[in-house]
PDB file of N, CA and C in Angstrom:
ATOM      1  N   MET A   1       0.847  -1.182   0.000  1.00  0.00           N
ATOM      2  CA  MET A   1       0.000   0.000   0.000  1.00  0.00           C
ATOM      3  C   MET A   1       0.889   1.241   0.000  1.00  0.00           C
ATOM      4  N   THR A   2       0.651   2.115  -0.920  1.00  0.00           N
ATOM      5  CA  THR A   2       1.449   3.320  -1.052  1.00  0.00           C
ATOM      6  C   THR A   2       0.722   4.490  -0.411  1.00  0.00           C
ATOM      7  N   SER A   3       1.433   5.215   0.451  1.00  0.00           N
ATOM      8  CA  SER A   3       0.814   6.399   1.050  1.00  0.00           C
ATOM      9  C   SER A   3       1.118   7.607   0.183  1.00  0.00           C
ATOM     10  N   GLN A   4       0.156   8.523   0.168  1.00  0.00           N
ATOM     11  CA  GLN A   4       0.336   9.727  -0.623  1.00  0.00           C
ATOM     12  C   GLN A   4       0.529  10.902   0.318  1.00  0.00           C
ATOM     13  N   SER A   5       1.327  11.837  -0.102  1.00  0.00           N
ATOM     14  CA  SER A   5       1.562  13.046   0.661  1.00  0.00           C
ATOM     15  C   SER A   5       0.959  14.224  -0.073  1.00  0.00           C
ATOM     16  N   TYR A   6       0.391  15.137   0.694  1.00  0.00           N
ATOM     17  CA  TYR A   6      -0.191  16.338   0.111  1.00  0.00           C
ATOM     18  C   TYR A   6       0.431  17.552   0.779  1.00  0.00           C
ATOM     19  N   ILE A   7       0.639  18.573   0.018  1.00  0.00           N
ATOM     20  CA  ILE A   7       1.199  19.810   0.539  1.00  0.00           C
ATOM     21  C   ILE A   7       0.085  20.856   0.570  1.00  0.00           C
ATOM     22  N   ILE A   8      -0.134  21.429   1.755  1.00  0.00           N
ATOM     23  CA  ILE A   8      -1.112  22.507   1.875  1.00  0.00           C
ATOM     24  C   ILE A   8      -0.402  23.708   2.499  1.00  0.00           C
ATOM     25  N   SER A   9      -0.972  24.857   2.287  1.00  0.00           N
ATOM     26  CA  SER A   9      -0.339  26.064   2.806  1.00  0.00           C
ATOM     27  C   SER A   9      -0.467  26.117   4.327  1.00  0.00           C
ATOM     28  N   GLN A  10       0.424  26.828   4.953  1.00  0.00           N
ATOM     29  CA  GLN A  10       0.387  27.013   6.404  1.00  0.00           C
ATOM     30  C   GLN A  10      -0.920  27.684   6.812  1.00  0.00           C
ATOM     31  N   ASP A  11      -1.381  28.639   6.000  1.00  0.00           N
ATOM     32  CA  ASP A  11      -2.636  29.336   6.292  1.00  0.00           C
ATOM     33  C   ASP A  11      -3.815  28.368   6.286  1.00  0.00           C
ATOM     34  N   LEU A  12      -3.868  27.495   5.291  1.00  0.00           N
ATOM     35  CA  LEU A  12      -4.947  26.523   5.215  1.00  0.00           C
ATOM     36  C   LEU A  12      -4.873  25.549   6.383  1.00  0.00           C
ATOM     37  N   LEU A  13      -3.678  25.121   6.737  1.00  0.00           N
ATOM     38  CA  LEU A  13      -3.500  24.230   7.875  1.00  0.00           C
ATOM     39  C   LEU A  13      -4.000  24.885   9.157  1.00  0.00           C
ATOM     40  N   GLU A  14      -3.622  26.139   9.384  1.00  0.00           N
ATOM     41  CA  GLU A  14      -4.034  26.845  10.600  1.00  0.00           C
ATOM     42  C   GLU A  14      -5.544  27.039  10.644  1.00  0.00           C
ATOM     43  N   ARG A  15      -6.137  27.392   9.510  1.00  0.00           N
ATOM     44  CA  ARG A  15      -7.594  27.570   9.467  1.00  0.00           C
ATOM     45  C   ARG A  15      -8.312  26.249   9.717  1.00  0.00           C
ATOM     46  N   THR A  16      -7.770  25.165   9.173  1.00  0.00           N
ATOM     47  CA  THR A  16      -8.370  23.843   9.362  1.00  0.00           C
ATOM     48  C   THR A  16      -8.291  23.419  10.826  1.00  0.00           C
ATOM     49  N   VAL A  17      -7.144  23.604  11.434  1.00  0.00           N
ATOM     50  CA  VAL A  17      -6.980  23.269  12.854  1.00  0.00           C
ATOM     51  C   VAL A  17      -7.913  24.112  13.714  1.00  0.00           C
ATOM     52  N   GLN A  18      -8.029  25.404  13.386  1.00  0.00           N
ATOM     53  CA  GLN A  18      -8.925  26.298  14.124  1.00  0.00           C
ATOM     54  C   GLN A  18     -10.383  25.840  13.978  1.00  0.00           C
ATOM     55  N   GLU A  19     -10.760  25.445  12.785  1.00  0.00           N
ATOM     56  CA  GLU A  19     -12.135  24.985  12.537  1.00  0.00           C
ATOM     57  C   GLU A  19     -12.418  23.693  13.295  1.00  0.00           C
ATOM     58  N   ILE A  20     -11.456  22.796  13.337  1.00  0.00           N
ATOM     59  CA  ILE A  20     -11.622  21.555  14.095  1.00  0.00           C
ATOM     60  C   ILE A  20     -11.796  21.872  15.577  1.00  0.00           C
ATOM     61  N   GLY A  21     -10.999  22.779  16.105  1.00  0.00           N
ATOM     62  CA  GLY A  21     -11.125  23.173  17.505  1.00  0.00           C
ATOM     63  C   GLY A  21     -12.481  23.782  17.798  1.00  0.00           C
ATOM     64  N   SER A  22     -12.948  24.627  16.902  1.00  0.00           N
ATOM     65  CA  SER A  22     -14.259  25.260  17.069  1.00  0.00           C
ATOM     66  C   SER A  22     -15.367  24.216  17.030  1.00  0.00           C
ATOM     67  N   THR A  23     -15.248  23.276  16.121  1.00  0.00           N
ATOM     68  CA  THR A  23     -16.246  22.216  16.001  1.00  0.00           C
ATOM     69  C   THR A  23     -16.275  21.354  17.265  1.00  0.00           C
ATOM     70  N   LYS A  24     -15.117  21.062  17.816  1.00  0.00           N
ATOM     71  CA  LYS A  24     -15.057  20.278  19.053  1.00  0.00           C
ATOM     72  C   LYS A  24     -15.708  21.035  20.203  1.00  0.00           C
ATOM     73  N   GLN A  25     -15.487  22.347  20.279  1.00  0.00           N
ATOM     74  CA  GLN A  25     -16.121  23.154  21.332  1.00  0.00           C
ATOM     75  C   GLN A  25     -17.639  23.139  21.183  1.00  0.00           C
ATOM     76  N   GLN A  26     -18.107  23.251  19.948  1.00  0.00           N
ATOM     77  CA  GLN A  26     -19.550  23.205  19.700  1.00  0.00           C
ATOM     78  C   GLN A  26     -20.121  21.853  20.097  1.00  0.00           C
ATOM     79  N   GLN A  27     -19.393  20.792  19.801  1.00  0.00           N
ATOM     80  CA  GLN A  27     -19.848  19.450  20.150  1.00  0.00           C
ATOM     81  C   GLN A  27     -19.983  19.303  21.659  1.00  0.00           C
ATOM     82  N   VAL A  28     -18.987  19.776  22.398  1.00  0.00           N
ATOM     83  CA  VAL A  28     -19.033  19.697  23.859  1.00  0.00           C
ATOM     84  C   VAL A  28     -20.228  20.480  24.393  1.00  0.00           C
ATOM     85  N   ALA A  29     -20.456  21.678  23.854  1.00  0.00           N
ATOM     86  CA  ALA A  29     -21.575  22.505  24.297  1.00  0.00           C
ATOM     87  C   ALA A  29     -22.911  21.822  23.983  1.00  0.00           C
ATOM     88  N   LEU A  30     -23.019  21.234  22.806  1.00  0.00           N
ATOM     89  CA  LEU A  30     -24.256  20.554  22.431  1.00  0.00           C
ATOM     90  C   LEU A  30     -24.494  19.310  23.281  1.00  0.00           C
ATOM     91  N   GLU A  31     -23.442  18.584  23.601  1.00  0.00           N
ATOM     92  CA  GLU A  31     -23.581  17.412  24.458  1.00  0.00           C
ATOM     93  C   GLU A  31     -24.061  17.815  25.850  1.00  0.00           C
ATOM     94  N   GLN A  32     -23.534  18.915  26.374  1.00  0.00           N
ATOM     95  CA  GLN A  32     -23.953  19.411  27.681  1.00  0.00           C
ATOM     96  C   GLN A  32     -25.423  19.825  27.639  1.00  0.00           C
ATOM     97  N   LEU A  33     -25.815  20.530  26.586  1.00  0.00           N
ATOM     98  CA  LEU A  33     -27.206  20.945  26.432  1.00  0.00           C
ATOM     99  C   LEU A  33     -28.121  19.731  26.344  1.00  0.00           C
ATOM    100  N   LEU A  34     -27.697  18.720  25.627  1.00  0.00           N
ATOM    101  CA  LEU A  34     -28.488  17.496  25.504  1.00  0.00           C
ATOM    102  C   LEU A  34     -28.644  16.809  26.856  1.00  0.00           C
ATOM    103  N   ARG A  35     -27.575  16.754  27.639  1.00  0.00           N
ATOM    104  CA  ARG A  35     -27.663  16.158  28.986  1.00  0.00           C
ATOM    105  C   ARG A  35     -28.645  16.945  29.851  1.00  0.00           C
ATOM    106  N   GLU A  36     -28.574  18.280  29.782  1.00  0.00           N
ATOM    107  CA  GLU A  36     -29.483  19.119  30.568  1.00  0.00           C
ATOM    108  C   GLU A  36     -30.930  18.903  30.145  1.00  0.00           C
ATOM    109  N   GLN A  37     -31.173  18.850  28.841  1.00  0.00           N
ATOM    110  CA  GLN A  37     -32.525  18.630  28.333  1.00  0.00           C
ATOM    111  C   GLN A  37     -33.045  17.259  28.765  1.00  0.00           C
ATOM    112  N   HIS A  38     -32.183  16.262  28.731  1.00  0.00           N
ATOM    113  CA  HIS A  38     -32.571  14.913  29.153  1.00  0.00           C
ATOM    114  C   HIS A  38     -32.944  14.907  30.631  1.00  0.00           C
ATOM    115  N   THR A  39     -32.150  15.607  31.441  1.00  0.00           N
ATOM    116  CA  THR A  39     -32.433  15.694  32.871  1.00  0.00           C
ATOM    117  C   THR A  39     -33.782  16.366  33.122  1.00  0.00           C
ATOM    118  N   LEU A  40     -34.033  17.457  32.413  1.00  0.00           N
ATOM    119  CA  LEU A  40     -35.311  18.165  32.563  1.00  0.00           C
ATOM    120  C   LEU A  40     -36.482  17.300  32.102  1.00  0.00           C
ATOM    121  N   ALA A  41     -36.321  16.617  31.003  1.00  0.00           N
ATOM    122  CA  ALA A  41     -37.391  15.761  30.483  1.00  0.00           C
ATOM    123  C   ALA A  41     -37.674  14.606  31.438  1.00  0.00           C
ATOM    124  N   THR A  42     -36.627  14.032  31.999  1.00  0.00           N
ATOM    125  CA  THR A  42     -36.805  12.936  32.956  1.00  0.00           C
ATOM    126  C   THR A  42     -37.546  13.421  34.196  1.00  0.00           C
ATOM    127  N   ALA A  43     -37.161  14.581  34.698  1.00  0.00           N
ATOM    128  CA  ALA A  43     -37.831  15.136  35.875  1.00  0.00           C
ATOM    129  C   ALA A  43     -39.298  15.427  35.571  1.00  0.00           C
ATOM    130  N   ALA A  44     -39.577  15.983  34.411  1.00  0.00           N
ATOM    131  CA  ALA A  44     -40.962  16.289  34.036  1.00  0.00           C
ATOM    132  C   ALA A  44     -41.771  15.003  33.900  1.00  0.00           C
ATOM    133  N   ASN A  45     -41.184  13.972  33.327  1.00  0.00           N
ATOM    134  CA  ASN A  45     -41.884  12.688  33.196  1.00  0.00           C
ATOM    135  C   ASN A  45     -42.177  12.080  34.555  1.00  0.00           C
ATOM    136  N   GLU A  46     -41.212  12.143  35.457  1.00  0.00           N
ATOM    137  CA  GLU A  46     -41.416  11.591  36.796  1.00  0.00           C
ATOM    138  C   GLU A  46     -42.520  12.341  37.526  1.00  0.00           C
ATOM    139  N   GLU A  47     -42.517  13.668  37.384  1.00  0.00           N
ATOM    140  CA  GLU A  47     -43.555  14.471  38.022  1.00  0.00           C
ATOM    141  C   GLU A  47     -44.928  14.136  37.438  1.00  0.00           C
ATOM    142  N   PHE A  48     -44.998  13.971  36.131  1.00  0.00           N
ATOM    143  CA  PHE A  48     -46.250  13.627  35.473  1.00  0.00           C
ATOM    144  C   PHE A  48     -46.758  12.274  35.963  1.00  0.00           C
ATOM    145  N   LEU A  49     -45.856  11.306  36.051  1.00  0.00           N
ATOM    146  CA  LEU A  49     -46.264   9.971  36.514  1.00  0.00           C
ATOM    147  C   LEU A  49     -46.747  10.020  37.959  1.00  0.00           C
ATOM    148  N   GLU A  50     -46.114  10.827  38.792  1.00  0.00           N
ATOM    149  CA  GLU A  50     -46.558  10.963  40.185  1.00  0.00           C
ATOM    150  C   GLU A  50     -47.954  11.577  40.229  1.00  0.00           C
ATOM    151  N   LEU A  51     -48.203  12.561  39.373  1.00  0.00           N
ATOM    152  CA  LEU A  51     -49.543  13.169  39.310  1.00  0.00           C
ATOM    153  C   LEU A  51     -50.576  12.141  38.847  1.00  0.00           C
ATOM    154  N   LEU A  52     -50.217  11.324  37.877  1.00  0.00           N
ATOM    155  CA  LEU A  52     -51.144  10.276  37.409  1.00  0.00           C
ATOM    156  C   LEU A  52     -51.433   9.278  38.520  1.00  0.00           C
ATOM    157  N   GLU A  53     -50.405   8.866  39.221  1.00  0.00           N
ATOM    158  CA  GLU A  53     -50.589   7.911  40.307  1.00  0.00           C
ATOM    159  C   GLU A  53     -51.495   8.494  41.387  1.00  0.00           C
ATOM    160  N   GLY A  54     -51.333   9.769  41.663  1.00  0.00           N
ATOM    161  CA  GLY A  54     -52.155  10.424  42.681  1.00  0.00           C
ATOM    162  C   GLY A  54     -53.603  10.539  42.249  1.00  0.00           C
ATOM    163  N   SER A  55     -53.863  10.714  40.971  1.00  0.00           N
ATOM    164  CA  SER A  55     -55.249  10.850  40.519  1.00  0.00           C
ATOM    165  C   SER A  55     -55.933   9.515  40.374  1.00  0.00           C
ATOM    166  N   VAL A  56     -55.178   8.441  40.246  1.00  0.00           N
ATOM    167  CA  VAL A  56     -55.757   7.101  40.088  1.00  0.00           C
ATOM    168  C   VAL A  56     -56.181   6.558  41.437  1.00  0.00           C
ATOM    169  N   THR A  57     -55.394   6.846  42.457  1.00  0.00           N
ATOM    170  CA  THR A  57     -55.715   6.270  43.765  1.00  0.00           C
ATOM    171  C   THR A  57     -56.714   7.087  44.523  1.00  0.00           C
TER     172      THR A  57
END
């Protein structure tokens, strides 16, 4: 298997690295938001189920 080498400009390399870093930061922020939303949804579901249980008995 032959590997190929590519030459890119320093500017393009720096912009690419910066974009990857920005994307990783966005991913971390979105994962945190998703965890928070999941926590809120779980709490709301538990509260709803408790209300249902109270109205049934």
